[in-house]
Amino acid sequence: VQLQASGGGLVQAGGSLRLSCVDSRRTFNNNAVGWFRQAPGKEREFVTSISWNGGITTYADSVKGRFAISRDNAKNTVYLQMNSLKPEDTAVYYCGVWLASYRNSNSPRYWGKGTLVTVSS
C-alpha cells in the first residue's frame, strides 16, 4: 500500500472541497479506508471510514451531514467530499488503510502523507 492524499487548499467558510486518496500500488481495494485529521496543537482524530465495497460508512459526529466518503475501486481511489466547511475543519487530512474489509480499530495500519485544508472565516 502506498497512499497519496490530495485536493486540499484554502476555502472560505461555507465552501466545498473534495479530497482524494490514491493507492499507487493498487492494493487497497479489499480494505477499509478512512480519513483522519489533525488540527494545529491537537491530536489526530477520526473523520470517516468506508468498507472495502463502499457498503458501510461511518462518520464522526462533527462532520455528519456535511462530509461524504466514497470510493472507486476501479481507480484505486477514495474520495472525501466536504461541504459547508467551517473554520474548525482546518487541519491536515490523512487517509489510512486497515488490513481488514471493515474498520476494525481506531488506527489504520497504513497512512498516507496528509493534505492541508484551511477554511477561512
N, C-alpha and C. Protein backbone atom coordinates (compact mmCIF):
# COMPACT_ATOMS: atom_id res chain seq x y z
N VAL A 1 0.84 -1.19 0.00
CA VAL A 1 0.00 0.00 0.00
C VAL A 1 0.87 1.24 0.00
N GLN A 2 0.59 2.13 -0.89
CA GLN A 2 1.29 3.41 -0.91
C GLN A 2 0.26 4.47 -1.21
N LEU A 3 -0.04 5.27 -0.21
CA LEU A 3 -1.15 6.21 -0.29
C LEU A 3 -0.67 7.63 -0.55
N GLN A 4 -1.48 8.35 -1.30
CA GLN A 4 -1.21 9.76 -1.55
C GLN A 4 -2.52 10.52 -1.49
N ALA A 5 -2.61 11.44 -0.56
CA ALA A 5 -3.79 12.28 -0.44
C ALA A 5 -3.56 13.59 -1.18
N SER A 6 -4.62 14.12 -1.77
CA SER A 6 -4.52 15.39 -2.49
C SER A 6 -5.87 16.08 -2.46
N GLY A 7 -5.87 17.33 -2.90
CA GLY A 7 -7.11 18.07 -3.01
C GLY A 7 -7.31 19.14 -1.96
N GLY A 8 -6.38 19.25 -1.04
CA GLY A 8 -6.51 20.27 -0.02
C GLY A 8 -6.28 21.65 -0.58
N GLY A 9 -6.58 22.66 0.22
CA GLY A 9 -6.39 24.03 -0.22
C GLY A 9 -7.05 25.00 0.72
N LEU A 10 -7.15 26.23 0.27
CA LEU A 10 -7.77 27.30 1.05
C LEU A 10 -9.18 27.55 0.51
N VAL A 11 -10.14 27.57 1.42
CA VAL A 11 -11.53 27.78 1.01
C VAL A 11 -12.22 28.63 2.07
N GLN A 12 -13.20 29.39 1.65
CA GLN A 12 -13.95 30.20 2.60
C GLN A 12 -14.98 29.34 3.32
N ALA A 13 -15.35 29.77 4.50
CA ALA A 13 -16.39 29.08 5.26
C ALA A 13 -17.64 28.96 4.41
N GLY A 14 -18.24 27.78 4.46
CA GLY A 14 -19.41 27.50 3.65
C GLY A 14 -19.09 26.86 2.31
N GLY A 15 -17.83 26.86 1.96
CA GLY A 15 -17.41 26.30 0.69
C GLY A 15 -17.23 24.80 0.73
N SER A 16 -16.73 24.26 -0.38
CA SER A 16 -16.56 22.82 -0.52
C SER A 16 -15.18 22.48 -1.07
N LEU A 17 -14.74 21.29 -0.74
CA LEU A 17 -13.52 20.72 -1.30
C LEU A 17 -13.73 19.23 -1.44
N ARG A 18 -13.02 18.62 -2.37
CA ARG A 18 -13.02 17.18 -2.48
C ARG A 18 -11.59 16.67 -2.41
N LEU A 19 -11.35 15.83 -1.43
CA LEU A 19 -10.05 15.21 -1.27
C LEU A 19 -10.04 13.85 -1.95
N SER A 20 -8.87 13.46 -2.39
CA SER A 20 -8.69 12.14 -3.00
C SER A 20 -7.55 11.41 -2.31
N CYS A 21 -7.69 10.11 -2.20
CA CYS A 21 -6.64 9.26 -1.66
C CYS A 21 -6.42 8.14 -2.66
N VAL A 22 -5.25 8.10 -3.23
CA VAL A 22 -4.93 7.12 -4.26
C VAL A 22 -3.91 6.13 -3.72
N ASP A 23 -4.15 4.87 -4.00
CA ASP A 23 -3.18 3.84 -3.67
C ASP A 23 -2.41 3.52 -4.94
N SER A 24 -1.20 4.00 -5.02
CA SER A 24 -0.43 3.86 -6.25
C SER A 24 -0.03 2.42 -6.52
N ARG A 25 -0.06 1.58 -5.50
CA ARG A 25 0.28 0.17 -5.70
C ARG A 25 -0.95 -0.69 -5.94
N ARG A 26 -2.10 -0.05 -5.95
CA ARG A 26 -3.35 -0.74 -6.33
C ARG A 26 -3.60 -1.97 -5.48
N THR A 27 -3.43 -1.81 -4.17
CA THR A 27 -3.59 -2.97 -3.31
C THR A 27 -4.66 -2.80 -2.25
N PHE A 28 -5.37 -1.63 -2.21
CA PHE A 28 -6.29 -1.45 -1.10
C PHE A 28 -7.76 -1.71 -1.45
N ASN A 29 -8.02 -2.31 -2.58
CA ASN A 29 -9.41 -2.50 -2.99
C ASN A 29 -10.18 -3.45 -2.09
N ASN A 30 -9.52 -4.29 -1.33
CA ASN A 30 -10.21 -5.21 -0.42
C ASN A 30 -10.18 -4.73 1.02
N ASN A 31 -9.77 -3.49 1.21
CA ASN A 31 -9.56 -2.97 2.56
C ASN A 31 -10.43 -1.76 2.87
N ALA A 32 -10.74 -1.63 4.14
CA ALA A 32 -11.40 -0.42 4.60
C ALA A 32 -10.41 0.74 4.56
N VAL A 33 -10.92 1.90 4.23
CA VAL A 33 -10.11 3.11 4.14
C VAL A 33 -10.79 4.22 4.93
N GLY A 34 -9.99 5.07 5.53
CA GLY A 34 -10.57 6.14 6.31
C GLY A 34 -9.82 7.44 6.15
N TRP A 35 -10.47 8.51 6.63
CA TRP A 35 -9.84 9.83 6.69
C TRP A 35 -9.76 10.25 8.15
N PHE A 36 -8.64 10.83 8.47
CA PHE A 36 -8.40 11.41 9.78
C PHE A 36 -7.90 12.83 9.57
N ARG A 37 -7.91 13.61 10.63
CA ARG A 37 -7.37 14.96 10.51
C ARG A 37 -6.68 15.37 11.80
N GLN A 38 -5.75 16.29 11.62
CA GLN A 38 -5.01 16.81 12.78
C GLN A 38 -4.92 18.31 12.65
N ALA A 39 -5.57 18.99 13.57
CA ALA A 39 -5.53 20.44 13.61
C ALA A 39 -4.30 20.88 14.39
N PRO A 40 -3.83 22.11 14.18
CA PRO A 40 -2.66 22.59 14.91
C PRO A 40 -2.85 22.49 16.42
N GLY A 41 -1.89 21.87 17.08
CA GLY A 41 -1.92 21.75 18.52
C GLY A 41 -2.88 20.70 19.06
N LYS A 42 -3.46 19.91 18.17
CA LYS A 42 -4.42 18.90 18.61
C LYS A 42 -3.99 17.51 18.14
N GLU A 43 -4.58 16.50 18.74
CA GLU A 43 -4.29 15.14 18.34
C GLU A 43 -5.03 14.79 17.05
N ARG A 44 -4.50 13.80 16.37
CA ARG A 44 -5.18 13.32 15.17
C ARG A 44 -6.51 12.70 15.56
N GLU A 45 -7.55 13.00 14.77
CA GLU A 45 -8.88 12.48 15.08
C GLU A 45 -9.51 11.82 13.87
N PHE A 46 -10.38 10.86 14.17
CA PHE A 46 -11.11 10.15 13.13
C PHE A 46 -12.14 11.07 12.49
N VAL A 47 -12.27 10.96 11.16
CA VAL A 47 -13.28 11.72 10.43
C VAL A 47 -14.33 10.80 9.83
N THR A 48 -13.88 9.82 9.05
CA THR A 48 -14.82 8.95 8.37
C THR A 48 -14.12 7.70 7.86
N SER A 49 -14.89 6.64 7.61
CA SER A 49 -14.33 5.42 7.04
C SER A 49 -15.32 4.80 6.07
N ILE A 50 -14.79 3.92 5.23
CA ILE A 50 -15.62 3.23 4.25
C ILE A 50 -15.13 1.80 4.12
N SER A 51 -16.05 0.86 4.05
CA SER A 51 -15.67 -0.54 3.91
C SER A 51 -15.16 -0.83 2.52
N TRP A 52 -14.68 -2.03 2.32
CA TRP A 52 -13.99 -2.38 1.09
C TRP A 52 -14.84 -2.17 -0.17
N ASN A 53 -16.14 -2.40 -0.04
CA ASN A 53 -17.01 -2.27 -1.21
C ASN A 53 -17.91 -1.04 -1.13
N GLY A 54 -17.65 -0.21 -0.15
CA GLY A 54 -18.44 1.00 -0.01
C GLY A 54 -19.77 0.81 0.68
N GLY A 55 -20.05 -0.39 1.13
CA GLY A 55 -21.35 -0.67 1.70
C GLY A 55 -21.58 -0.11 3.09
N ILE A 56 -20.51 0.11 3.81
CA ILE A 56 -20.64 0.63 5.18
C ILE A 56 -19.75 1.85 5.32
N THR A 57 -20.34 2.93 5.77
CA THR A 57 -19.59 4.16 6.03
C THR A 57 -19.87 4.61 7.47
N THR A 58 -18.88 5.21 8.08
CA THR A 58 -19.03 5.76 9.42
C THR A 58 -18.47 7.18 9.43
N TYR A 59 -19.04 8.02 10.30
CA TYR A 59 -18.64 9.43 10.36
C TYR A 59 -18.53 9.89 11.81
N ALA A 60 -17.60 10.80 12.01
CA ALA A 60 -17.56 11.49 13.29
C ALA A 60 -18.77 12.42 13.36
N ASP A 61 -19.28 12.62 14.56
CA ASP A 61 -20.46 13.48 14.71
C ASP A 61 -20.24 14.88 14.16
N SER A 62 -19.02 15.35 14.27
CA SER A 62 -18.72 16.72 13.86
C SER A 62 -18.85 16.95 12.36
N VAL A 63 -18.86 15.89 11.57
CA VAL A 63 -18.92 16.05 10.11
C VAL A 63 -20.16 15.42 9.48
N LYS A 64 -20.97 14.74 10.27
CA LYS A 64 -22.18 14.10 9.74
C LYS A 64 -23.06 15.12 9.04
N GLY A 65 -23.53 14.75 7.87
CA GLY A 65 -24.40 15.63 7.10
C GLY A 65 -23.66 16.65 6.26
N ARG A 66 -22.35 16.77 6.46
CA ARG A 66 -21.57 17.74 5.68
C ARG A 66 -20.53 17.05 4.80
N PHE A 67 -19.97 15.97 5.30
CA PHE A 67 -18.93 15.25 4.58
C PHE A 67 -19.49 13.93 4.06
N ALA A 68 -18.92 13.47 2.94
CA ALA A 68 -19.32 12.19 2.38
C ALA A 68 -18.10 11.47 1.83
N ILE A 69 -17.94 10.22 2.25
CA ILE A 69 -16.83 9.41 1.76
C ILE A 69 -17.35 8.46 0.69
N SER A 70 -16.54 8.22 -0.31
CA SER A 70 -16.90 7.28 -1.37
C SER A 70 -15.63 6.68 -1.92
N ARG A 71 -15.80 5.65 -2.73
CA ARG A 71 -14.62 5.03 -3.32
C ARG A 71 -14.93 4.52 -4.71
N ASP A 72 -13.89 4.49 -5.52
CA ASP A 72 -13.95 3.93 -6.88
C ASP A 72 -12.80 2.94 -6.96
N ASN A 73 -13.11 1.68 -6.73
CA ASN A 73 -12.04 0.68 -6.70
C ASN A 73 -11.40 0.48 -8.07
N ALA A 74 -12.11 0.78 -9.12
CA ALA A 74 -11.50 0.68 -10.45
C ALA A 74 -10.38 1.70 -10.62
N LYS A 75 -10.47 2.78 -9.86
CA LYS A 75 -9.45 3.83 -9.93
C LYS A 75 -8.55 3.81 -8.70
N ASN A 76 -8.75 2.82 -7.82
CA ASN A 76 -7.93 2.72 -6.60
C ASN A 76 -7.94 4.04 -5.82
N THR A 77 -9.10 4.63 -5.73
CA THR A 77 -9.21 5.97 -5.14
C THR A 77 -10.39 6.03 -4.17
N VAL A 78 -10.14 6.70 -3.06
CA VAL A 78 -11.19 7.03 -2.10
C VAL A 78 -11.31 8.54 -2.05
N TYR A 79 -12.55 9.02 -2.00
CA TYR A 79 -12.80 10.46 -2.02
C TYR A 79 -13.42 10.91 -0.69
N LEU A 80 -13.19 12.16 -0.38
CA LEU A 80 -13.88 12.80 0.73
C LEU A 80 -14.45 14.12 0.23
N GLN A 81 -15.75 14.14 0.05
CA GLN A 81 -16.44 15.37 -0.35
C GLN A 81 -16.79 16.15 0.92
N MET A 82 -16.30 17.35 1.01
CA MET A 82 -16.51 18.18 2.20
C MET A 82 -17.32 19.41 1.81
N ASN A 83 -18.49 19.53 2.36
CA ASN A 83 -19.38 20.66 2.08
C ASN A 83 -19.61 21.46 3.36
N SER A 84 -20.11 22.64 3.18
CA SER A 84 -20.43 23.51 4.32
C SER A 84 -19.26 23.58 5.30
N LEU A 85 -18.10 23.82 4.76
CA LEU A 85 -16.89 23.81 5.59
C LEU A 85 -16.90 24.94 6.61
N LYS A 86 -16.31 24.64 7.75
CA LYS A 86 -16.23 25.58 8.85
C LYS A 86 -14.76 25.82 9.19
N PRO A 87 -14.46 26.95 9.80
CA PRO A 87 -13.06 27.19 10.20
C PRO A 87 -12.50 26.07 11.08
N GLU A 88 -13.34 25.46 11.89
CA GLU A 88 -12.85 24.37 12.75
C GLU A 88 -12.54 23.09 11.99
N ASP A 89 -12.82 23.05 10.71
CA ASP A 89 -12.42 21.92 9.87
C ASP A 89 -10.97 22.07 9.39
N THR A 90 -10.37 23.20 9.66
CA THR A 90 -8.99 23.42 9.26
C THR A 90 -8.08 22.39 9.92
N ALA A 91 -7.32 21.68 9.09
CA ALA A 91 -6.45 20.61 9.59
C ALA A 91 -5.67 20.02 8.43
N VAL A 92 -4.71 19.19 8.79
CA VAL A 92 -4.09 18.32 7.79
C VAL A 92 -4.91 17.03 7.77
N TYR A 93 -5.34 16.65 6.60
CA TYR A 93 -6.18 15.46 6.44
C TYR A 93 -5.32 14.32 5.90
N TYR A 94 -5.47 13.17 6.55
CA TYR A 94 -4.71 11.97 6.20
C TYR A 94 -5.68 10.85 5.83
N CYS A 95 -5.29 10.04 4.87
CA CYS A 95 -6.04 8.81 4.63
C CYS A 95 -5.25 7.64 5.19
N GLY A 96 -5.99 6.62 5.56
CA GLY A 96 -5.37 5.44 6.15
C GLY A 96 -6.10 4.18 5.71
N VAL A 97 -5.39 3.09 5.72
CA VAL A 97 -5.94 1.80 5.28
C VAL A 97 -5.84 0.78 6.41
N TRP A 98 -6.95 0.10 6.67
CA TRP A 98 -6.93 -1.02 7.63
C TRP A 98 -6.65 -2.31 6.89
N LEU A 99 -6.04 -3.25 7.57
CA LEU A 99 -5.83 -4.58 6.98
C LEU A 99 -7.05 -5.43 7.26
N ALA A 100 -8.18 -4.94 6.84
CA ALA A 100 -9.46 -5.61 7.04
C ALA A 100 -10.46 -5.02 6.07
N SER A 101 -11.52 -5.75 5.83
CA SER A 101 -12.53 -5.26 4.90
C SER A 101 -13.38 -4.15 5.49
N TYR A 102 -13.43 -4.14 6.83
CA TYR A 102 -14.20 -3.13 7.54
C TYR A 102 -13.30 -2.49 8.59
N ARG A 103 -13.66 -1.29 9.00
CA ARG A 103 -12.90 -0.63 10.04
C ARG A 103 -12.99 -1.46 11.31
N ASN A 104 -11.85 -1.89 11.83
CA ASN A 104 -11.87 -2.77 12.99
C ASN A 104 -11.03 -2.27 14.15
N SER A 105 -10.59 -1.02 14.05
CA SER A 105 -9.81 -0.44 15.13
C SER A 105 -9.84 1.08 14.97
N ASN A 106 -9.22 1.75 15.91
CA ASN A 106 -9.18 3.22 15.83
C ASN A 106 -7.98 3.72 15.05
N SER A 107 -7.12 2.80 14.62
CA SER A 107 -5.92 3.23 13.92
C SER A 107 -5.65 2.35 12.72
N PRO A 108 -5.64 2.92 11.52
CA PRO A 108 -5.31 2.14 10.33
C PRO A 108 -3.88 1.61 10.37
N ARG A 109 -3.63 0.61 9.55
CA ARG A 109 -2.28 0.02 9.51
C ARG A 109 -1.34 0.89 8.68
N TYR A 110 -1.85 1.47 7.62
CA TYR A 110 -1.01 2.29 6.74
C TYR A 110 -1.58 3.70 6.65
N TRP A 111 -0.66 4.64 6.53
CA TRP A 111 -1.03 6.04 6.43
C TRP A 111 -0.40 6.66 5.19
N GLY A 112 -1.11 7.61 4.62
CA GLY A 112 -0.53 8.40 3.55
C GLY A 112 -0.07 9.74 4.09
N LYS A 113 0.64 10.48 3.28
CA LYS A 113 1.01 11.85 3.64
C LYS A 113 -0.25 12.71 3.58
N GLY A 114 -0.31 13.68 4.42
CA GLY A 114 -1.52 14.47 4.52
C GLY A 114 -1.63 15.57 3.49
N THR A 115 -2.81 16.15 3.46
CA THR A 115 -3.06 17.31 2.61
C THR A 115 -3.74 18.37 3.48
N LEU A 116 -3.27 19.61 3.36
CA LEU A 116 -3.73 20.67 4.25
C LEU A 116 -5.02 21.31 3.73
N VAL A 117 -6.00 21.40 4.62
CA VAL A 117 -7.25 22.10 4.34
C VAL A 117 -7.33 23.29 5.28
N THR A 118 -7.49 24.46 4.71
CA THR A 118 -7.61 25.68 5.50
C THR A 118 -8.93 26.35 5.16
N VAL A 119 -9.75 26.57 6.17
CA VAL A 119 -11.05 27.20 5.98
C VAL A 119 -11.02 28.57 6.65
N SER A 120 -11.19 29.59 5.85
CA SER A 120 -11.16 30.96 6.39
C SER A 120 -12.57 31.42 6.76
N SER A 121 -12.65 32.26 7.76
CA SER A 121 -13.96 32.74 8.22
C SER A 121 -14.38 34.00 7.48
